[in-house]
Amino acid sequence: MNFSVIAAVNNEAVLNSCLMSSPDIHSVREVILQRGFGSAADAYTSGIAKATGEVLIFDHQDVYLPAGWISRLKE
């Protein structure tokens, strides 16, 4: 099973200190960072069209995902 993470982004500092610093984030199939959208809904809708993963994860830029979250999600 492979995952695509889709995140609406409007603050690079928050993104880098939270979501992108999550230990396992780079082991997912793809991380789609949606910038420049007027709403999160628009960003996510556009991200769905780009995603290639079997499972789509809609995340916020200010969320830190702890080590092992992918394994727990697969269970």
PDB file of N, CA and C in Angstrom:
ATOM      1  N   MET A   1       0.850  -1.165   0.000  1.00  0.00           N
ATOM      2  CA  MET A   1       0.000   0.000   0.000  1.00  0.00           C
ATOM      3  C   MET A   1       0.902   1.236   0.000  1.00  0.00           C
ATOM      4  N   ASN A   2       0.566   2.188  -0.866  1.00  0.00           N
ATOM      5  CA  ASN A   2       1.369   3.406  -0.889  1.00  0.00           C
ATOM      6  C   ASN A   2       0.479   4.614  -0.635  1.00  0.00           C
ATOM      7  N   PHE A   3       1.100   5.646  -0.091  1.00  0.00           N
ATOM      8  CA  PHE A   3       0.376   6.820   0.386  1.00  0.00           C
ATOM      9  C   PHE A   3       0.812   8.077  -0.343  1.00  0.00           C
ATOM     10  N   SER A   4      -0.130   8.980  -0.523  1.00  0.00           N
ATOM     11  CA  SER A   4       0.156  10.338  -0.980  1.00  0.00           C
ATOM     12  C   SER A   4      -0.338  11.283   0.104  1.00  0.00           C
ATOM     13  N   VAL A   5       0.530  12.176   0.553  1.00  0.00           N
ATOM     14  CA  VAL A   5       0.155  13.204   1.517  1.00  0.00           C
ATOM     15  C   VAL A   5      -0.091  14.486   0.739  1.00  0.00           C
ATOM     16  N   ILE A   6      -1.241  15.106   0.966  1.00  0.00           N
ATOM     17  CA  ILE A   6      -1.593  16.365   0.321  1.00  0.00           C
ATOM     18  C   ILE A   6      -1.751  17.413   1.413  1.00  0.00           C
ATOM     19  N   ALA A   7      -1.028  18.522   1.276  1.00  0.00           N
ATOM     20  CA  ALA A   7      -1.110  19.582   2.280  1.00  0.00           C
ATOM     21  C   ALA A   7      -1.275  20.937   1.612  1.00  0.00           C
ATOM     22  N   ALA A   8      -2.214  21.720   2.125  1.00  0.00           N
ATOM     23  CA  ALA A   8      -2.362  23.108   1.705  1.00  0.00           C
ATOM     24  C   ALA A   8      -1.331  23.923   2.484  1.00  0.00           C
ATOM     25  N   VAL A   9      -0.578  24.753   1.770  1.00  0.00           N
ATOM     26  CA  VAL A   9       0.532  25.485   2.395  1.00  0.00           C
ATOM     27  C   VAL A   9       0.382  26.981   2.146  1.00  0.00           C
ATOM     28  N   ASN A  10       0.479  27.753   3.228  1.00  0.00           N
ATOM     29  CA  ASN A  10       0.536  29.208   3.089  1.00  0.00           C
ATOM     30  C   ASN A  10       1.597  29.828   3.983  1.00  0.00           C
ATOM     31  N   ASN A  11       2.369  28.977   4.674  1.00  0.00           N
ATOM     32  CA  ASN A  11       3.424  29.467   5.548  1.00  0.00           C
ATOM     33  C   ASN A  11       4.578  28.466   5.529  1.00  0.00           C
ATOM     34  N   GLU A  12       5.649  28.821   4.837  1.00  0.00           N
ATOM     35  CA  GLU A  12       6.788  27.908   4.661  1.00  0.00           C
ATOM     36  C   GLU A  12       7.492  27.587   5.980  1.00  0.00           C
ATOM     37  N   ALA A  13       7.597  28.566   6.869  1.00  0.00           N
ATOM     38  CA  ALA A  13       8.270  28.329   8.150  1.00  0.00           C
ATOM     39  C   ALA A  13       7.512  27.291   8.973  1.00  0.00           C
ATOM     40  N   VAL A  14       6.199  27.414   9.023  1.00  0.00           N
ATOM     41  CA  VAL A  14       5.376  26.445   9.757  1.00  0.00           C
ATOM     42  C   VAL A  14       5.478  25.076   9.094  1.00  0.00           C
ATOM     43  N   LEU A  15       5.384  25.025   7.786  1.00  0.00           N
ATOM     44  CA  LEU A  15       5.504  23.764   7.052  1.00  0.00           C
ATOM     45  C   LEU A  15       6.810  23.057   7.395  1.00  0.00           C
ATOM     46  N   ASN A  16       7.911  23.785   7.322  1.00  0.00           N
ATOM     47  CA  ASN A  16       9.225  23.179   7.555  1.00  0.00           C
ATOM     48  C   ASN A  16       9.448  22.765   9.004  1.00  0.00           C
ATOM     49  N   SER A  17       8.866  23.503   9.951  1.00  0.00           N
ATOM     50  CA  SER A  17       9.080  23.153  11.357  1.00  0.00           C
ATOM     51  C   SER A  17       8.127  22.063  11.840  1.00  0.00           C
ATOM     52  N   CYS A  18       7.075  21.806  11.106  1.00  0.00           N
ATOM     53  CA  CYS A  18       6.089  20.798  11.531  1.00  0.00           C
ATOM     54  C   CYS A  18       6.055  19.617  10.555  1.00  0.00           C
ATOM     55  N   LEU A  19       5.230  19.706   9.543  1.00  0.00           N
ATOM     56  CA  LEU A  19       5.007  18.561   8.652  1.00  0.00           C
ATOM     57  C   LEU A  19       6.297  18.036   8.033  1.00  0.00           C
ATOM     58  N   MET A  20       7.110  18.910   7.476  1.00  0.00           N
ATOM     59  CA  MET A  20       8.306  18.441   6.773  1.00  0.00           C
ATOM     60  C   MET A  20       9.420  17.985   7.713  1.00  0.00           C
ATOM     61  N   SER A  21       9.283  18.251   9.003  1.00  0.00           N
ATOM     62  CA  SER A  21      10.267  17.728   9.961  1.00  0.00           C
ATOM     63  C   SER A  21       9.799  16.418  10.590  1.00  0.00           C
ATOM     64  N   SER A  22       8.642  15.932  10.180  1.00  0.00           N
ATOM     65  CA  SER A  22       8.156  14.638  10.658  1.00  0.00           C
ATOM     66  C   SER A  22       9.101  13.539  10.171  1.00  0.00           C
ATOM     67  N   PRO A  23       9.526  12.641  11.069  1.00  0.00           N
ATOM     68  CA  PRO A  23      10.559  11.658  10.728  1.00  0.00           C
ATOM     69  C   PRO A  23      10.270  10.788   9.503  1.00  0.00           C
ATOM     70  N   ASP A  24       9.026  10.369   9.312  1.00  0.00           N
ATOM     71  CA  ASP A  24       8.702   9.425   8.243  1.00  0.00           C
ATOM     72  C   ASP A  24       8.139  10.079   6.983  1.00  0.00           C
ATOM     73  N   ILE A  25       8.047  11.399   6.949  1.00  0.00           N
ATOM     74  CA  ILE A  25       7.351  12.055   5.847  1.00  0.00           C
ATOM     75  C   ILE A  25       8.008  11.766   4.494  1.00  0.00           C
ATOM     76  N   HIS A  26       9.297  11.591   4.470  1.00  0.00           N
ATOM     77  CA  HIS A  26       9.978  11.375   3.190  1.00  0.00           C
ATOM     78  C   HIS A  26       9.929   9.920   2.724  1.00  0.00           C
ATOM     79  N   SER A  27       9.323   9.061   3.533  1.00  0.00           N
ATOM     80  CA  SER A  27       9.207   7.662   3.119  1.00  0.00           C
ATOM     81  C   SER A  27       7.853   7.353   2.489  1.00  0.00           C
ATOM     82  N   VAL A  28       6.956   8.327   2.446  1.00  0.00           N
ATOM     83  CA  VAL A  28       5.695   8.106   1.735  1.00  0.00           C
ATOM     84  C   VAL A  28       5.951   8.224   0.239  1.00  0.00           C
ATOM     85  N   ARG A  29       5.061   7.692  -0.545  1.00  0.00           N
ATOM     86  CA  ARG A  29       5.240   7.696  -2.010  1.00  0.00           C
ATOM     87  C   ARG A  29       5.433   9.102  -2.546  1.00  0.00           C
ATOM     88  N   GLU A  30       4.572  10.030  -2.106  1.00  0.00           N
ATOM     89  CA  GLU A  30       4.700  11.421  -2.559  1.00  0.00           C
ATOM     90  C   GLU A  30       4.104  12.366  -1.535  1.00  0.00           C
ATOM     91  N   VAL A  31       4.667  13.549  -1.487  1.00  0.00           N
ATOM     92  CA  VAL A  31       4.142  14.638  -0.673  1.00  0.00           C
ATOM     93  C   VAL A  31       3.803  15.760  -1.642  1.00  0.00           C
ATOM     94  N   ILE A  32       2.525  16.095  -1.708  1.00  0.00           N
ATOM     95  CA  ILE A  32       2.054  17.118  -2.633  1.00  0.00           C
ATOM     96  C   ILE A  32       1.768  18.373  -1.826  1.00  0.00           C
ATOM     97  N   LEU A  33       2.582  19.398  -2.031  1.00  0.00           N
ATOM     98  CA  LEU A  33       2.434  20.654  -1.310  1.00  0.00           C
ATOM     99  C   LEU A  33       1.730  21.647  -2.212  1.00  0.00           C
ATOM    100  N   GLN A  34       0.546  22.029  -1.806  1.00  0.00           N
ATOM    101  CA  GLN A  34      -0.320  22.889  -2.610  1.00  0.00           C
ATOM    102  C   GLN A  34      -0.210  24.340  -2.123  1.00  0.00           C
ATOM    103  N   ARG A  35       0.398  25.174  -2.932  1.00  0.00           N
ATOM    104  CA  ARG A  35       0.617  26.579  -2.576  1.00  0.00           C
ATOM    105  C   ARG A  35      -0.190  27.492  -3.489  1.00  0.00           C
ATOM    106  N   GLY A  36      -0.593  28.639  -2.944  1.00  0.00           N
ATOM    107  CA  GLY A  36      -1.222  29.665  -3.753  1.00  0.00           C
ATOM    108  C   GLY A  36      -2.707  29.498  -4.005  1.00  0.00           C
ATOM    109  N   PHE A  37      -3.376  28.680  -3.240  1.00  0.00           N
ATOM    110  CA  PHE A  37      -4.815  28.483  -3.412  1.00  0.00           C
ATOM    111  C   PHE A  37      -5.580  29.381  -2.449  1.00  0.00           C
ATOM    112  N   GLY A  38      -6.771  29.780  -2.834  1.00  0.00           N
ATOM    113  CA  GLY A  38      -7.589  30.651  -2.011  1.00  0.00           C
ATOM    114  C   GLY A  38      -8.219  29.959  -0.815  1.00  0.00           C
ATOM    115  N   SER A  39      -8.297  28.640  -0.867  1.00  0.00           N
ATOM    116  CA  SER A  39      -8.861  27.877   0.243  1.00  0.00           C
ATOM    117  C   SER A  39      -8.210  26.500   0.298  1.00  0.00           C
ATOM    118  N   ALA A  40      -8.277  25.898   1.461  1.00  0.00           N
ATOM    119  CA  ALA A  40      -7.748  24.536   1.615  1.00  0.00           C
ATOM    120  C   ALA A  40      -8.532  23.569   0.737  1.00  0.00           C
ATOM    121  N   ALA A  41      -9.829  23.783   0.623  1.00  0.00           N
ATOM    122  CA  ALA A  41     -10.660  22.895  -0.208  1.00  0.00           C
ATOM    123  C   ALA A  41     -10.175  22.899  -1.655  1.00  0.00           C
ATOM    124  N   ASP A  42      -9.873  24.074  -2.185  1.00  0.00           N
ATOM    125  CA  ASP A  42      -9.357  24.158  -3.561  1.00  0.00           C
ATOM    126  C   ASP A  42      -7.999  23.474  -3.678  1.00  0.00           C
ATOM    127  N   ALA A  43      -7.161  23.671  -2.686  1.00  0.00           N
ATOM    128  CA  ALA A  43      -5.839  23.043  -2.695  1.00  0.00           C
ATOM    129  C   ALA A  43      -5.960  21.521  -2.666  1.00  0.00           C
ATOM    130  N   TYR A  44      -6.833  21.007  -1.821  1.00  0.00           N
ATOM    131  CA  TYR A  44      -7.003  19.561  -1.722  1.00  0.00           C
ATOM    132  C   TYR A  44      -7.617  18.978  -2.993  1.00  0.00           C
ATOM    133  N   THR A  45      -8.589  19.652  -3.561  1.00  0.00           N
ATOM    134  CA  THR A  45      -9.211  19.178  -4.802  1.00  0.00           C
ATOM    135  C   THR A  45      -8.179  19.078  -5.914  1.00  0.00           C
ATOM    136  N   SER A  46      -7.338  20.084  -6.033  1.00  0.00           N
ATOM    137  CA  SER A  46      -6.278  20.062  -7.033  1.00  0.00           C
ATOM    138  C   SER A  46      -5.267  18.951  -6.731  1.00  0.00           C
ATOM    139  N   GLY A  47      -4.970  18.754  -5.461  1.00  0.00           N
ATOM    140  CA  GLY A  47      -4.023  17.715  -5.059  1.00  0.00           C
ATOM    141  C   GLY A  47      -4.516  16.323  -5.387  1.00  0.00           C
ATOM    142  N   ILE A  48      -5.815  16.103  -5.277  1.00  0.00           N
ATOM    143  CA  ILE A  48      -6.387  14.793  -5.612  1.00  0.00           C
ATOM    144  C   ILE A  48      -6.072  14.439  -7.064  1.00  0.00           C
ATOM    145  N   ALA A  49      -6.178  15.417  -7.946  1.00  0.00           N
ATOM    146  CA  ALA A  49      -5.921  15.175  -9.370  1.00  0.00           C
ATOM    147  C   ALA A  49      -4.456  14.834  -9.640  1.00  0.00           C
ATOM    148  N   LYS A  50      -3.558  15.268  -8.776  1.00  0.00           N
ATOM    149  CA  LYS A  50      -2.122  15.022  -8.952  1.00  0.00           C
ATOM    150  C   LYS A  50      -1.644  13.729  -8.286  1.00  0.00           C
ATOM    151  N   ALA A  51      -2.387  13.264  -7.311  1.00  0.00           N
ATOM    152  CA  ALA A  51      -1.938  12.148  -6.471  1.00  0.00           C
ATOM    153  C   ALA A  51      -1.918  10.824  -7.228  1.00  0.00           C
ATOM    154  N   THR A  52      -0.920   9.999  -6.913  1.00  0.00           N
ATOM    155  CA  THR A  52      -0.802   8.670  -7.501  1.00  0.00           C
ATOM    156  C   THR A  52      -0.866   7.558  -6.457  1.00  0.00           C
ATOM    157  N   GLY A  53      -0.935   7.909  -5.200  1.00  0.00           N
ATOM    158  CA  GLY A  53      -0.984   6.912  -4.141  1.00  0.00           C
ATOM    159  C   GLY A  53      -2.326   6.213  -4.078  1.00  0.00           C
ATOM    160  N   GLU A  54      -2.321   5.030  -3.475  1.00  0.00           N
ATOM    161  CA  GLU A  54      -3.560   4.273  -3.271  1.00  0.00           C
ATOM    162  C   GLU A  54      -4.399   4.885  -2.160  1.00  0.00           C
ATOM    163  N   VAL A  55      -3.712   5.471  -1.185  1.00  0.00           N
ATOM    164  CA  VAL A  55      -4.373   6.096  -0.043  1.00  0.00           C
ATOM    165  C   VAL A  55      -3.950   7.557  -0.007  1.00  0.00           C
ATOM    166  N   LEU A  56      -4.935   8.458   0.038  1.00  0.00           N
ATOM    167  CA  LEU A  56      -4.660   9.889   0.098  1.00  0.00           C
ATOM    168  C   LEU A  56      -4.816  10.367   1.531  1.00  0.00           C
ATOM    169  N   ILE A  57      -3.822  11.106   2.004  1.00  0.00           N
ATOM    170  CA  ILE A  57      -3.825  11.642   3.356  1.00  0.00           C
ATOM    171  C   ILE A  57      -3.865  13.156   3.243  1.00  0.00           C
ATOM    172  N   PHE A  58      -4.924  13.758   3.756  1.00  0.00           N
ATOM    173  CA  PHE A  58      -5.060  15.209   3.735  1.00  0.00           C
ATOM    174  C   PHE A  58      -4.554  15.730   5.064  1.00  0.00           C
ATOM    175  N   ASP A  59      -3.530  16.534   5.010  1.00  0.00           N
ATOM    176  CA  ASP A  59      -2.847  16.970   6.219  1.00  0.00           C
ATOM    177  C   ASP A  59      -2.745  18.482   6.240  1.00  0.00           C
ATOM    178  N   HIS A  60      -2.461  19.010   7.399  1.00  0.00           N
ATOM    179  CA  HIS A  60      -2.238  20.444   7.561  1.00  0.00           C
ATOM    180  C   HIS A  60      -0.745  20.693   7.697  1.00  0.00           C
ATOM    181  N   GLN A  61      -0.314  21.849   7.270  1.00  0.00           N
ATOM    182  CA  GLN A  61       1.103  22.193   7.334  1.00  0.00           C
ATOM    183  C   GLN A  61       1.624  22.266   8.763  1.00  0.00           C
ATOM    184  N   ASP A  62       0.749  22.467   9.730  1.00  0.00           N
ATOM    185  CA  ASP A  62       1.176  22.636  11.120  1.00  0.00           C
ATOM    186  C   ASP A  62       1.076  21.352  11.947  1.00  0.00           C
ATOM    187  N   VAL A  63       0.966  20.215  11.274  1.00  0.00           N
ATOM    188  CA  VAL A  63       0.884  18.928  11.972  1.00  0.00           C
ATOM    189  C   VAL A  63       2.238  18.230  11.915  1.00  0.00           C
ATOM    190  N   TYR A  64       2.688  17.740  13.061  1.00  0.00           N
ATOM    191  CA  TYR A  64       3.893  16.930  13.145  1.00  0.00           C
ATOM    192  C   TYR A  64       3.451  15.480  13.298  1.00  0.00           C
ATOM    193  N   LEU A  65       3.899  14.626  12.388  1.00  0.00           N
ATOM    194  CA  LEU A  65       3.537  13.210  12.422  1.00  0.00           C
ATOM    195  C   LEU A  65       4.656  12.436  13.115  1.00  0.00           C
ATOM    196  N   PRO A  66       4.370  11.769  14.219  1.00  0.00           N
ATOM    197  CA  PRO A  66       5.418  11.097  14.985  1.00  0.00           C
ATOM    198  C   PRO A  66       5.997   9.888  14.245  1.00  0.00           C
ATOM    199  N   ALA A  67       7.190   9.506  14.634  1.00  0.00           N
ATOM    200  CA  ALA A  67       7.848   8.332  14.048  1.00  0.00           C
ATOM    201  C   ALA A  67       6.932   7.119  14.185  1.00  0.00           C
ATOM    202  N   GLY A  68       6.821   6.342  13.134  1.00  0.00           N
ATOM    203  CA  GLY A  68       6.026   5.131  13.145  1.00  0.00           C
ATOM    204  C   GLY A  68       4.584   5.298  12.712  1.00  0.00           C
ATOM    205  N   TRP A  69       4.164   6.507  12.363  1.00  0.00           N
ATOM    206  CA  TRP A  69       2.757   6.713  12.007  1.00  0.00           C
ATOM    207  C   TRP A  69       2.362   5.931  10.759  1.00  0.00           C
ATOM    208  N   ILE A  70       3.277   5.748   9.832  1.00  0.00           N
ATOM    209  CA  ILE A  70       2.938   5.005   8.609  1.00  0.00           C
ATOM    210  C   ILE A  70       2.640   3.542   8.951  1.00  0.00           C
ATOM    211  N   SER A  71       3.468   2.957   9.794  1.00  0.00           N
ATOM    212  CA  SER A  71       3.247   1.563  10.188  1.00  0.00           C
ATOM    213  C   SER A  71       1.905   1.394  10.901  1.00  0.00           C
ATOM    214  N   ARG A  72       1.589   2.331  11.785  1.00  0.00           N
ATOM    215  CA  ARG A  72       0.313   2.246  12.503  1.00  0.00           C
ATOM    216  C   ARG A  72      -0.864   2.434  11.553  1.00  0.00           C
ATOM    217  N   LEU A  73      -0.715   3.295  10.564  1.00  0.00           N
ATOM    218  CA  LEU A  73      -1.789   3.503   9.591  1.00  0.00           C
ATOM    219  C   LEU A  73      -2.016   2.241   8.753  1.00  0.00           C
ATOM    220  N   LYS A  74      -0.955   1.557   8.381  1.00  0.00           N
ATOM    221  CA  LYS A  74      -1.079   0.335   7.599  1.00  0.00           C
ATOM    222  C   LYS A  74      -1.815  -0.758   8.361  1.00  0.00           C
ATOM    223  N   GLU A  75      -1.631  -0.762   9.673  1.00  0.00           N
ATOM    224  CA  GLU A  75      -2.319  -1.772  10.514  1.00  0.00           C
ATOM    225  C   GLU A  75      -3.797  -1.517  10.514  1.00  0.00           C
TER     226      GLU A  75
END
